[in-house]
Amino acid sequence: MSYSSVFKSVATVTVLSVITRTLAFLFKIYLSRAVGAEILGLYQICLSVFFLFISLTSGGITTVLSRKIAESDALGDKSRSLTYLTASLAIGMTAAAISVGALYLFAPYATVLISDERALPLLRIMIPALVSTTFYIIVRGWFWGTKQFGAFSLTELIEEILRILCTLLLVSGVVSGISGATGIALAFTVSDVIVALIIFLIFIRKGGRFRKFDNIGDILRPSAPLTVMRVFGSLVGTALSLILPARLIAGGMSVADATASVGRIAGMANPLLFAPNAIIGSLAIVLIPEMSADNVRGNYASLNRRLDAGISFALLVSGAFLALYAALGEELTVMLYDDSQSGLYLAACAPLLLLMPINQIVTSTLNSVGMEKESFYTFTIGTIFMIAACYILPTYIGIYAVIVANALCLAIEVAGNVYLLNKKIKLKFGFLKTLFLIAVFVFPCKLLVDWIYNITARANGVFALICAGIAGMAAYGALCYASGLVDVDMFLSRVRKKKAQKTAPAVKGGSAESARNG
């Protein structure tokens, strides 16, 4: 795939992803105001348990499926994609069926894990969605591997729209006897089943079929360490929603306040913190099949270039958000959620945006080149430190323990993964310059944003946010351009070249027509 094709694919995925995440973000604002932080916290507890099991049923399968398809296509064997898909579904659906049975069987004992037993009825409602979610996640992995990025991202958007519509219908009390937390849980399951049916129809329309398979080991073996890693990742989320409330309660918080704290982190601050992933995740989605193809061909120079450019671009995006959140975290959440505590948390954890994009791209690269086991080792070490911090520190520093836990985990993962990847492809480390410059640029941009906001806040809070945000982004962009991190001239020259290529055939055609008429 050429760089222009990569750019188009990233743009397509980014646009659809931004729309999806914007809808999800706005909807979380609605939920936080409609049902409050406490019910949002109960829902988040259920989601954490649910996605823990989704990690078990399909966590590593989709990445391995997309990689195997990309590798076979690069070697000229395009016939294997559907057999890989069928094998993946056989593994995932079997695991989903077992998980559903186990959850219903052991649900009465879940109070050992869930600090607030009011979440149990909601979890029972959401359990059947494990089957439908596993199915459509794996099918979307087929779209990913075959580079049908439009279908891949469009199905994600459809999922979000249906979930919003179902939740609006059931939370509002339109359906008699259903509202609040029960409505949210039921909407989750109903919308999930509908999404699975729609994605199946799109799959058939795109030429997808199920084929007899004999390669289940090709999927199962490499996906095992990834699946375990995803399960550990879900356990981190579970630690936030299960361990954290219990430790906050042990430190003197009430059950309601502890549950609300989880809601503030997961339902208010994190959607803003992870906003850059709408763009960075799009880049990773497009790069993984390309880097898998580079690896199977032995073209490490191309793989290295893609990695370095990907990390630098991701850091540029994250740096812009870092400058805003560090200065206006509290003001943003007050405006969006009418809650200041989540904004204080957001401002404090904003520096994590310097490590998150590096870890995301490097981990994706390790998975692309078949180093799942190596990335699993570093992830395990980081996760152990994270869980320990989530258990020990809340008694002393409250919800800010989550920031320390994330920082420890990210630092360990980035250091370990970069070291392992460097042993294989000899990294150029060009992204370190980008990291240093952005870390330097963020400080003056934050000061500027603070100053602009303070002198305009007396007029109107929203006006002050807009003015300060625009000023901060303008200053950040100017610094990146002046330092050479953003090459506007090269971008404009490529645009002009592209326009020239499009108009060239029309000019030639016109000349030939004139000659014939002459």
Protein backbone atom coordinates (compact mmCIF):
# COMPACT_ATOMS: atom_id res chain seq x y z
CA MET A 1 0.00 0.00 0.00
CA SER A 2 1.42 3.39 -1.04
CA TYR A 3 1.72 6.30 1.38
CA SER A 4 -1.20 8.03 -0.37
CA SER A 5 -3.33 4.91 0.15
CA VAL A 6 -2.23 4.74 3.78
CA PHE A 7 -3.18 8.41 4.19
CA LYS A 8 -6.62 7.80 2.65
CA SER A 9 -7.20 4.76 4.85
CA VAL A 10 -6.12 6.62 7.99
CA ALA A 11 -8.35 9.55 7.02
CA THR A 12 -11.35 7.24 6.47
CA VAL A 13 -10.86 5.41 9.75
CA THR A 14 -10.18 8.67 11.60
CA VAL A 15 -13.31 10.44 10.35
CA LEU A 16 -15.57 7.52 11.23
CA SER A 17 -13.76 6.97 14.53
CA VAL A 18 -14.04 10.64 15.50
CA ILE A 19 -17.76 10.59 14.75
CA THR A 20 -18.16 7.39 16.77
CA ARG A 21 -16.18 8.65 19.75
CA THR A 22 -17.87 12.05 19.64
CA LEU A 23 -21.27 10.39 19.79
CA ALA A 24 -20.09 8.15 22.62
CA PHE A 25 -18.62 11.12 24.47
CA LEU A 26 -21.75 13.25 24.12
CA PHE A 27 -23.86 10.32 25.19
CA LYS A 28 -21.78 9.81 28.33
CA ILE A 29 -22.38 13.46 29.13
CA TYR A 30 -26.11 12.82 28.77
CA LEU A 31 -25.92 9.71 30.98
CA SER A 32 -23.90 11.47 33.66
CA ARG A 33 -26.55 14.17 33.86
CA ALA A 34 -29.56 11.86 33.42
CA VAL A 35 -28.66 9.11 35.89
CA GLY A 36 -25.76 10.58 37.89
CA ALA A 37 -22.26 9.43 38.74
CA GLU A 38 -23.45 6.68 41.11
CA ILE A 39 -25.53 4.75 38.55
CA LEU A 40 -22.84 5.41 35.95
CA GLY A 41 -20.40 3.80 38.38
CA LEU A 42 -22.63 0.70 38.71
CA TYR A 43 -22.80 0.41 34.93
CA GLN A 44 -19.01 0.79 34.71
CA ILE A 45 -18.55 -2.04 37.22
CA CYS A 46 -20.64 -4.31 34.97
CA LEU A 47 -18.76 -3.19 31.86
CA SER A 48 -15.45 -4.00 33.49
CA VAL A 49 -16.56 -7.57 34.26
CA PHE A 50 -18.13 -7.92 30.81
CA PHE A 51 -15.05 -6.77 28.92
CA LEU A 52 -12.88 -8.97 31.10
CA PHE A 53 -14.68 -11.96 29.60
CA ILE A 54 -14.66 -10.43 26.11
CA SER A 55 -10.90 -10.26 26.42
CA LEU A 56 -10.99 -13.98 27.17
CA THR A 57 -13.22 -14.89 24.22
CA SER A 58 -11.74 -12.68 21.50
CA GLY A 59 -8.98 -10.50 22.96
CA GLY A 60 -6.02 -11.83 21.00
CA ILE A 61 -7.89 -13.48 18.15
CA THR A 62 -8.72 -10.36 16.15
CA THR A 63 -5.12 -9.10 16.05
CA VAL A 64 -3.75 -12.52 15.05
CA LEU A 65 -6.53 -12.96 12.47
CA SER A 66 -5.76 -9.62 10.80
CA ARG A 67 -2.02 -10.36 10.86
CA LYS A 68 -2.40 -13.84 9.37
CA ILE A 69 -4.61 -12.51 6.58
CA ALA A 70 -2.16 -9.67 5.80
CA GLU A 71 0.80 -12.09 5.76
CA SER A 72 -0.93 -14.59 3.47
CA ASP A 73 -2.00 -11.79 1.11
CA ALA A 74 1.59 -10.45 1.03
CA LEU A 75 2.80 -13.92 0.00
CA GLY A 76 0.15 -14.13 -2.74
CA ASP A 77 -2.22 -16.57 -1.01
CA LYS A 78 -5.53 -14.71 -0.70
CA SER A 79 -7.61 -17.87 -0.33
CA ARG A 80 -6.72 -18.39 3.33
CA SER A 81 -8.58 -15.40 4.77
CA LEU A 82 -11.97 -17.10 5.12
CA THR A 83 -10.51 -20.29 6.62
CA TYR A 84 -8.64 -18.17 9.16
CA LEU A 85 -11.90 -16.37 9.96
CA THR A 86 -13.88 -19.59 10.42
CA ALA A 87 -11.19 -21.03 12.70
CA SER A 88 -11.21 -17.81 14.73
CA LEU A 89 -14.99 -17.93 15.12
CA ALA A 90 -14.84 -21.56 16.22
CA ILE A 91 -12.43 -20.63 19.00
CA GLY A 92 -14.18 -17.43 20.05
CA MET A 93 -17.77 -18.67 20.03
CA THR A 94 -16.84 -21.78 22.02
CA ALA A 95 -15.13 -19.62 24.63
CA ALA A 96 -18.15 -17.26 24.69
CA ALA A 97 -20.62 -20.10 25.29
CA ILE A 98 -18.51 -21.45 28.15
CA SER A 99 -18.18 -17.96 29.65
CA VAL A 100 -21.95 -17.35 29.57
CA GLY A 101 -22.60 -20.63 31.35
CA ALA A 102 -19.91 -19.97 33.95
CA LEU A 103 -21.15 -16.45 34.68
CA TYR A 104 -24.74 -17.54 35.23
CA LEU A 105 -23.61 -20.49 37.32
CA PHE A 106 -21.33 -18.48 39.59
CA ALA A 107 -23.24 -15.16 39.57
CA PRO A 108 -24.47 -15.63 43.18
CA TYR A 109 -20.83 -15.67 44.33
CA ALA A 110 -19.82 -12.56 42.38
CA THR A 111 -20.21 -10.40 45.48
CA VAL A 112 -16.70 -11.54 46.36
CA LEU A 113 -15.45 -9.49 43.40
CA ILE A 114 -18.08 -6.75 43.10
CA SER A 115 -17.93 -4.24 45.93
CA ASP A 116 -21.46 -2.95 45.26
CA GLU A 117 -23.97 -5.81 44.99
CA ARG A 118 -26.49 -3.52 43.27
CA ALA A 119 -24.52 -4.19 40.08
CA LEU A 120 -25.35 -7.93 40.05
CA PRO A 121 -28.84 -7.67 38.45
CA LEU A 122 -27.40 -5.45 35.72
CA LEU A 123 -24.60 -7.92 35.03
CA ARG A 124 -27.11 -10.78 34.61
CA ILE A 125 -28.92 -8.74 31.95
CA MET A 126 -25.69 -8.04 30.04
CA ILE A 127 -24.23 -11.59 30.09
CA PRO A 128 -25.96 -12.87 26.87
CA ALA A 129 -24.26 -10.11 24.88
CA LEU A 130 -20.97 -11.99 25.29
CA VAL A 131 -21.96 -14.25 22.38
CA SER A 132 -23.02 -11.49 19.99
CA THR A 133 -20.09 -9.23 20.89
CA THR A 134 -17.56 -12.03 20.34
CA PHE A 135 -19.08 -12.81 16.95
CA TYR A 136 -18.99 -9.30 15.53
CA ILE A 137 -15.59 -8.43 17.00
CA ILE A 138 -14.03 -11.39 15.17
CA VAL A 139 -15.85 -10.60 11.91
CA ARG A 140 -14.58 -7.02 12.18
CA GLY A 141 -11.09 -8.55 12.48
CA TRP A 142 -11.64 -10.07 9.03
CA PHE A 143 -12.55 -6.62 7.65
CA TRP A 144 -9.36 -5.33 9.27
CA GLY A 145 -7.06 -7.99 7.83
CA THR A 146 -8.51 -7.68 4.31
CA LYS A 147 -7.97 -3.90 4.57
CA GLN A 148 -11.67 -3.06 4.28
CA PHE A 149 -11.12 -0.17 6.65
CA GLY A 150 -14.35 1.59 5.71
CA ALA A 151 -16.46 -1.42 6.68
CA PHE A 152 -14.33 -1.95 9.79
CA SER A 153 -14.98 1.56 11.11
CA LEU A 154 -18.54 1.89 9.80
CA THR A 155 -19.65 -1.13 11.81
CA GLU A 156 -18.20 0.48 14.94
CA LEU A 157 -20.24 3.62 14.22
CA ILE A 158 -23.39 1.54 13.69
CA GLU A 159 -22.78 -0.14 17.04
CA GLU A 160 -22.54 3.20 18.84
CA ILE A 161 -25.63 4.67 17.16
CA LEU A 162 -27.78 1.64 17.98
CA ARG A 163 -26.55 1.59 21.58
CA ILE A 164 -27.44 5.26 21.99
CA LEU A 165 -30.91 4.84 20.46
CA CYS A 166 -31.73 1.78 22.57
CA THR A 167 -30.48 3.46 25.74
CA LEU A 168 -32.46 6.63 25.07
CA LEU A 169 -35.56 4.51 24.59
CA LEU A 170 -35.13 2.37 27.70
CA VAL A 171 -33.58 4.86 30.15
CA SER A 172 -36.20 7.51 29.50
CA GLY A 173 -38.97 5.30 30.91
CA VAL A 174 -40.90 5.10 27.61
CA VAL A 175 -41.10 1.33 28.08
CA SER A 176 -43.21 0.71 31.17
CA GLY A 177 -41.32 -0.51 34.21
CA ILE A 178 -37.84 -0.04 32.69
CA SER A 179 -35.59 2.93 33.46
CA GLY A 180 -32.32 3.99 35.05
CA ALA A 181 -29.61 1.39 35.51
CA THR A 182 -31.81 -1.50 34.33
CA GLY A 183 -32.58 0.38 31.13
CA ILE A 184 -28.88 0.98 30.43
CA ALA A 185 -28.04 -2.71 30.89
CA LEU A 186 -30.96 -3.96 28.79
CA ALA A 187 -30.18 -1.45 26.03
CA PHE A 188 -26.60 -2.73 25.96
CA THR A 189 -27.73 -6.32 25.32
CA VAL A 190 -30.52 -5.55 22.85
CA SER A 191 -28.36 -3.22 20.75
CA ASP A 192 -25.51 -5.73 20.80
CA VAL A 193 -27.63 -8.50 19.27
CA ILE A 194 -28.93 -6.14 16.57
CA VAL A 195 -25.38 -5.02 15.76
CA ALA A 196 -24.25 -8.64 15.37
CA LEU A 197 -27.05 -9.29 12.85
CA ILE A 198 -26.23 -6.15 10.85
CA ILE A 199 -22.50 -6.95 10.75
CA PHE A 200 -23.29 -10.50 9.59
CA LEU A 201 -25.34 -9.09 6.68
CA ILE A 202 -22.53 -6.68 5.75
CA PHE A 203 -20.07 -9.58 5.90
CA ILE A 204 -22.19 -11.61 3.45
CA ARG A 205 -22.62 -8.56 1.20
CA LYS A 206 -18.83 -8.11 1.09
CA GLY A 207 -18.37 -11.66 -0.18
CA GLY A 208 -17.71 -13.26 3.17
CA ARG A 209 -18.44 -16.95 3.64
CA PHE A 210 -17.57 -19.60 6.19
CA ARG A 211 -15.09 -22.22 5.02
CA LYS A 212 -13.91 -25.57 6.30
CA PHE A 213 -10.75 -25.02 8.32
CA ASP A 214 -7.74 -27.09 9.33
CA ASN A 215 -5.59 -24.29 10.72
CA ILE A 216 -7.04 -23.70 14.17
CA GLY A 217 -3.56 -23.98 15.71
CA ASP A 218 -2.30 -21.13 13.49
CA ILE A 219 -4.76 -18.85 15.28
CA LEU A 220 -4.83 -20.42 18.74
CA ARG A 221 -1.09 -20.54 19.47
CA PRO A 222 -0.14 -16.89 18.74
CA SER A 223 -3.43 -15.56 20.13
CA ALA A 224 -2.95 -17.25 23.52
CA PRO A 225 -0.36 -14.78 24.90
CA LEU A 226 -2.31 -11.86 23.43
CA THR A 227 -5.51 -13.12 25.00
CA VAL A 228 -3.85 -13.47 28.39
CA MET A 229 -2.45 -9.96 27.96
CA ARG A 230 -5.89 -8.57 27.11
CA VAL A 231 -7.36 -10.37 30.12
CA PHE A 232 -4.73 -8.74 32.29
CA GLY A 233 -5.63 -5.44 30.65
CA SER A 234 -9.26 -5.96 31.52
CA LEU A 235 -8.21 -6.85 35.05
CA VAL A 236 -6.64 -3.41 35.23
CA GLY A 237 -10.02 -1.93 34.35
CA THR A 238 -11.60 -4.31 36.82
CA ALA A 239 -9.11 -3.10 39.43
CA LEU A 240 -10.40 0.43 38.91
CA SER A 241 -14.04 -0.58 39.30
CA LEU A 242 -13.74 -3.42 41.82
CA ILE A 243 -10.55 -3.08 43.86
CA LEU A 244 -10.51 0.71 43.88
CA PRO A 245 -13.95 1.21 45.49
CA ALA A 246 -13.14 -1.39 48.14
CA ARG A 247 -9.83 0.32 48.98
CA LEU A 248 -11.45 3.77 49.00
CA ILE A 249 -14.09 2.44 51.39
CA ALA A 250 -11.31 0.99 53.56
CA GLY A 251 -9.78 4.47 53.62
CA GLY A 252 -12.96 6.00 55.02
CA MET A 253 -15.16 6.74 51.99
CA SER A 254 -18.81 5.77 51.92
CA VAL A 255 -19.97 3.15 49.41
CA ALA A 256 -21.83 5.81 47.40
CA ASP A 257 -18.82 8.15 47.24
CA ALA A 258 -16.46 5.33 46.26
CA THR A 259 -18.79 4.19 43.46
CA ALA A 260 -19.16 7.79 42.28
CA SER A 261 -15.36 8.13 42.18
CA VAL A 262 -15.17 5.18 39.79
CA GLY A 263 -17.87 6.81 37.69
CA ARG A 264 -15.88 10.05 37.56
CA ILE A 265 -12.73 8.29 36.39
CA ALA A 266 -14.22 5.85 33.89
CA GLY A 267 -17.27 7.77 32.73
CA MET A 268 -16.07 11.39 32.80
CA ALA A 269 -12.27 11.80 32.82
CA ASN A 270 -11.21 8.78 30.76
CA PRO A 271 -13.34 9.60 27.68
CA LEU A 272 -11.47 12.92 27.48
CA LEU A 273 -8.08 11.39 28.29
CA PHE A 274 -8.46 8.77 25.56
CA ALA A 275 -9.84 11.23 22.97
CA PRO A 276 -6.52 11.26 21.02
CA ASN A 277 -7.02 7.53 20.41
CA ALA A 278 -9.67 8.39 17.84
CA ILE A 279 -6.78 9.49 15.61
CA ILE A 280 -3.90 7.40 16.96
CA GLY A 281 -6.00 4.23 16.96
CA SER A 282 -6.91 4.86 13.32
CA LEU A 283 -3.23 5.02 12.43
CA ALA A 284 -2.50 1.79 14.32
CA ILE A 285 -5.39 0.01 12.59
CA VAL A 286 -4.01 0.87 9.15
CA LEU A 287 -0.35 0.28 10.02
CA ILE A 288 -0.70 -3.21 11.53
CA PRO A 289 -1.48 -5.04 8.25
CA GLU A 290 1.21 -2.99 6.48
CA MET A 291 3.86 -3.76 9.11
CA SER A 292 2.86 -7.44 9.08
CA ALA A 293 3.47 -7.50 5.33
CA ASP A 294 6.83 -5.71 5.76
CA ASN A 295 7.86 -8.26 8.37
CA VAL A 296 6.96 -11.36 6.34
CA ARG A 297 8.89 -9.90 3.36
CA GLY A 298 11.88 -9.05 5.58
CA ASN A 299 11.64 -5.35 4.69
CA TYR A 300 12.72 -4.00 8.09
CA ALA A 301 13.78 -0.62 6.70
CA SER A 302 10.21 0.11 5.61
CA LEU A 303 8.85 -1.23 8.90
CA ASN A 304 11.23 1.03 10.83
CA ARG A 305 10.15 4.08 8.84
CA ARG A 306 6.48 3.36 9.46
CA LEU A 307 7.10 2.88 13.18
CA ASP A 308 9.11 6.09 13.60
CA ALA A 309 6.64 8.17 11.61
CA GLY A 310 3.70 6.61 13.44
CA ILE A 311 5.06 7.37 16.92
CA SER A 312 6.03 10.93 15.98
CA PHE A 313 2.59 11.61 14.53
CA ALA A 314 0.89 10.09 17.59
CA LEU A 315 2.99 12.27 19.91
CA LEU A 316 2.07 15.40 17.95
CA VAL A 317 -1.62 14.61 18.39
CA SER A 318 -1.32 13.75 22.10
CA GLY A 319 0.75 16.85 22.84
CA ALA A 320 -2.07 19.13 21.71
CA PHE A 321 -4.52 17.45 24.10
CA LEU A 322 -1.95 17.48 26.91
CA ALA A 323 -1.59 21.26 26.75
CA LEU A 324 -5.37 21.72 26.95
CA TYR A 325 -6.07 19.21 29.70
CA ALA A 326 -3.21 20.34 31.93
CA ALA A 327 -4.57 23.89 31.85
CA LEU A 328 -8.33 23.45 31.51
CA GLY A 329 -9.12 20.02 32.93
CA GLU A 330 -11.40 21.27 35.70
CA GLU A 331 -13.07 23.90 33.53
CA LEU A 332 -13.83 21.33 30.82
CA THR A 333 -15.50 18.83 33.12
CA VAL A 334 -17.49 21.53 34.90
CA MET A 335 -18.85 22.68 31.54
CA LEU A 336 -19.49 19.14 30.23
CA TYR A 337 -20.53 17.21 33.32
CA ASP A 338 -21.10 19.88 35.98
CA ASP A 339 -18.42 18.07 38.01
CA SER A 340 -15.10 19.58 39.09
CA GLN A 341 -13.47 16.56 40.78
CA SER A 342 -13.21 14.62 37.52
CA GLY A 343 -11.49 17.65 35.97
CA LEU A 344 -8.88 17.81 38.71
CA TYR A 345 -8.15 14.14 38.05
CA LEU A 346 -7.95 14.78 34.28
CA ALA A 347 -5.45 17.62 34.71
CA ALA A 348 -3.29 15.51 37.02
CA CYS A 349 -3.16 12.51 34.67
CA ALA A 350 -2.66 14.53 31.46
CA PRO A 351 1.16 13.94 31.39
CA LEU A 352 0.41 10.26 30.73
CA LEU A 353 -0.35 11.39 27.17
CA LEU A 354 3.41 11.49 26.54
CA LEU A 355 3.73 7.75 27.16
CA MET A 356 0.40 6.39 25.94
CA PRO A 357 0.94 6.95 22.18
CA ILE A 358 4.44 5.44 22.25
CA ASN A 359 3.15 2.36 24.02
CA GLN A 360 0.19 2.01 21.67
CA ILE A 361 2.24 2.11 18.47
CA VAL A 362 5.14 0.00 19.78
CA THR A 363 2.80 -2.68 21.16
CA SER A 364 0.95 -2.78 17.83
CA THR A 365 4.29 -3.21 16.06
CA LEU A 366 5.32 -6.10 18.32
CA ASN A 367 2.03 -7.83 17.57
CA SER A 368 2.51 -7.18 13.85
CA VAL A 369 5.89 -8.93 13.75
CA GLY A 370 4.84 -11.97 15.76
CA MET A 371 6.39 -10.93 19.10
CA GLU A 372 3.24 -11.49 21.13
CA LYS A 373 5.04 -13.45 23.84
CA GLU A 374 7.66 -10.74 24.31
CA SER A 375 5.05 -7.99 24.67
CA PHE A 376 3.16 -10.22 27.09
CA TYR A 377 6.17 -10.41 29.42
CA THR A 378 6.57 -6.64 29.71
CA PHE A 379 2.84 -6.16 30.02
CA THR A 380 2.67 -8.69 32.86
CA ILE A 381 5.38 -6.89 34.83
CA GLY A 382 3.73 -3.52 34.29
CA THR A 383 0.32 -4.88 35.23
CA ILE A 384 1.61 -6.38 38.49
CA PHE A 385 2.96 -2.99 39.54
CA MET A 386 -0.29 -1.34 38.49
CA ILE A 387 -2.55 -3.65 40.46
CA ALA A 388 -0.28 -3.35 43.50
CA ALA A 389 -0.44 0.45 43.33
CA CYS A 390 -4.24 0.36 42.94
CA TYR A 391 -4.45 -1.79 46.06
CA ILE A 392 -1.96 0.02 48.31
CA LEU A 393 -2.16 3.72 47.42
CA PRO A 394 -5.90 4.63 47.51
CA THR A 395 -5.81 4.70 51.32
CA TYR A 396 -3.21 7.50 51.11
CA ILE A 397 -3.97 9.49 47.95
CA GLY A 398 -7.50 8.45 46.99
CA ILE A 399 -8.39 8.21 43.31
CA TYR A 400 -5.03 9.72 42.34
CA ALA A 401 -3.58 6.28 43.02
CA VAL A 402 -4.87 5.34 39.57
CA ILE A 403 -2.55 7.93 37.99
CA VAL A 404 0.52 6.56 39.77
CA ALA A 405 -0.53 3.02 38.84
CA ASN A 406 -0.92 3.93 35.16
CA ALA A 407 2.38 5.81 35.10
CA LEU A 408 4.24 2.81 36.54
CA CYS A 409 2.63 0.41 34.10
CA LEU A 410 3.24 2.60 31.04
CA ALA A 411 6.88 3.36 31.93
CA ILE A 412 7.68 -0.33 32.37
CA GLU A 413 5.90 -1.33 29.17
CA VAL A 414 7.44 1.38 27.01
CA ALA A 415 10.98 0.67 28.24
CA GLY A 416 10.61 -3.10 27.87
CA ASN A 417 8.84 -3.09 24.51
CA VAL A 418 11.21 -0.58 22.92
CA TYR A 419 14.18 -2.65 24.10
CA LEU A 420 12.72 -5.88 22.67
CA LEU A 421 11.74 -4.29 19.37
CA ASN A 422 15.16 -2.67 19.00
CA LYS A 423 16.77 -6.11 19.23
CA LYS A 424 14.76 -7.24 16.19
CA ILE A 425 14.70 -4.27 13.81
CA LYS A 426 17.34 -1.81 15.15
CA LEU A 427 15.23 1.27 15.83
CA LYS A 428 16.39 4.69 14.65
CA PHE A 429 14.83 6.40 17.70
CA GLY A 430 13.92 9.49 15.70
CA PHE A 431 10.76 9.80 17.78
CA LEU A 432 12.82 10.70 20.88
CA LYS A 433 13.45 14.15 19.42
CA THR A 434 9.71 14.57 18.91
CA LEU A 435 9.03 13.43 22.48
CA PHE A 436 11.54 15.90 23.93
CA LEU A 437 10.34 18.89 21.90
CA ILE A 438 6.67 18.27 22.63
CA ALA A 439 7.37 17.91 26.36
CA VAL A 440 9.13 21.30 26.18
CA PHE A 441 6.41 22.96 24.07
CA VAL A 442 3.57 21.90 26.35
CA PHE A 443 4.73 24.08 29.26
CA PRO A 444 4.57 27.51 27.55
CA CYS A 445 1.34 26.51 25.80
CA LYS A 446 -0.22 25.65 29.16
CA LEU A 447 0.86 28.99 30.61
CA LEU A 448 -0.64 30.80 27.61
CA VAL A 449 -3.92 28.89 27.91
CA ASP A 450 -4.11 29.68 31.64
CA TRP A 451 -3.46 33.37 30.99
CA ILE A 452 -6.01 33.71 28.17
CA TYR A 453 -8.65 31.87 30.17
CA ASN A 454 -8.13 34.01 33.28
CA ILE A 455 -8.50 37.30 31.42
CA THR A 456 -11.60 36.19 29.47
CA ALA A 457 -13.41 34.08 32.09
CA ARG A 458 -15.16 37.12 33.57
CA ALA A 459 -17.10 37.62 30.36
CA ASN A 460 -18.31 34.05 29.79
CA GLY A 461 -16.97 30.63 30.73
CA VAL A 462 -17.62 28.95 27.37
CA PHE A 463 -16.20 31.95 25.50
CA ALA A 464 -13.09 31.79 27.69
CA LEU A 465 -12.65 28.07 27.00
CA ILE A 466 -12.91 28.61 23.25
CA CYS A 467 -10.51 31.57 23.22
CA ALA A 468 -7.97 29.85 25.45
CA GLY A 469 -8.20 26.61 23.48
CA ILE A 470 -7.70 28.32 20.11
CA ALA A 471 -4.77 30.35 21.45
CA GLY A 472 -3.15 27.25 22.92
CA MET A 473 -3.54 25.21 19.73
CA ALA A 474 -2.23 28.09 17.60
CA ALA A 475 0.84 28.43 19.80
CA TYR A 476 1.40 24.67 19.82
CA GLY A 477 1.09 24.48 16.03
CA ALA A 478 3.46 27.41 15.57
CA LEU A 479 6.10 25.82 17.81
CA CYS A 480 5.81 22.48 16.02
CA TYR A 481 6.14 24.21 12.63
CA ALA A 482 9.08 26.36 13.72
CA SER A 483 10.93 23.31 15.07
CA GLY A 484 10.35 21.27 11.93
CA LEU A 485 8.08 18.70 13.57
CA VAL A 486 5.32 19.67 11.15
CA ASP A 487 6.36 20.07 7.52
CA VAL A 488 3.55 22.11 5.98
CA ASP A 489 5.51 22.81 2.80
CA MET A 490 5.93 19.10 2.05
CA PHE A 491 2.23 18.49 2.67
CA LEU A 492 1.23 21.31 0.31
CA SER A 493 3.62 20.09 -2.38
CA ARG A 494 2.07 16.60 -2.19
CA VAL A 495 -1.41 18.10 -2.48
CA ARG A 496 -0.36 20.09 -5.55
CA LYS A 497 1.26 17.00 -7.07
CA LYS A 498 -1.90 15.00 -6.48
CA LYS A 499 -4.03 17.66 -8.16
CA ALA A 500 -1.64 17.73 -11.12
CA GLN A 501 -1.91 13.96 -11.52
CA LYS A 502 -5.70 14.15 -11.53
CA THR A 503 -5.83 16.89 -14.16
CA ALA A 504 -3.12 15.41 -16.43
CA PRO A 505 -5.34 12.80 -18.19
CA ALA A 506 -7.96 15.44 -18.96
CA VAL A 507 -5.33 17.69 -20.58
CA LYS A 508 -3.97 14.86 -22.72
CA GLY A 509 -7.47 13.83 -23.74
CA GLY A 510 -8.28 17.37 -24.75
CA SER A 511 -5.13 17.65 -26.90
CA ALA A 512 -5.89 14.41 -28.69
CA GLU A 513 -9.46 15.49 -29.37
CA SER A 514 -8.21 18.78 -30.83
CA ALA A 515 -5.77 16.97 -33.09
CA ARG A 516 -8.52 14.70 -34.45
CA ASN A 517 -10.86 17.62 -35.06
CA GLY A 518 -8.08 19.55 -36.68
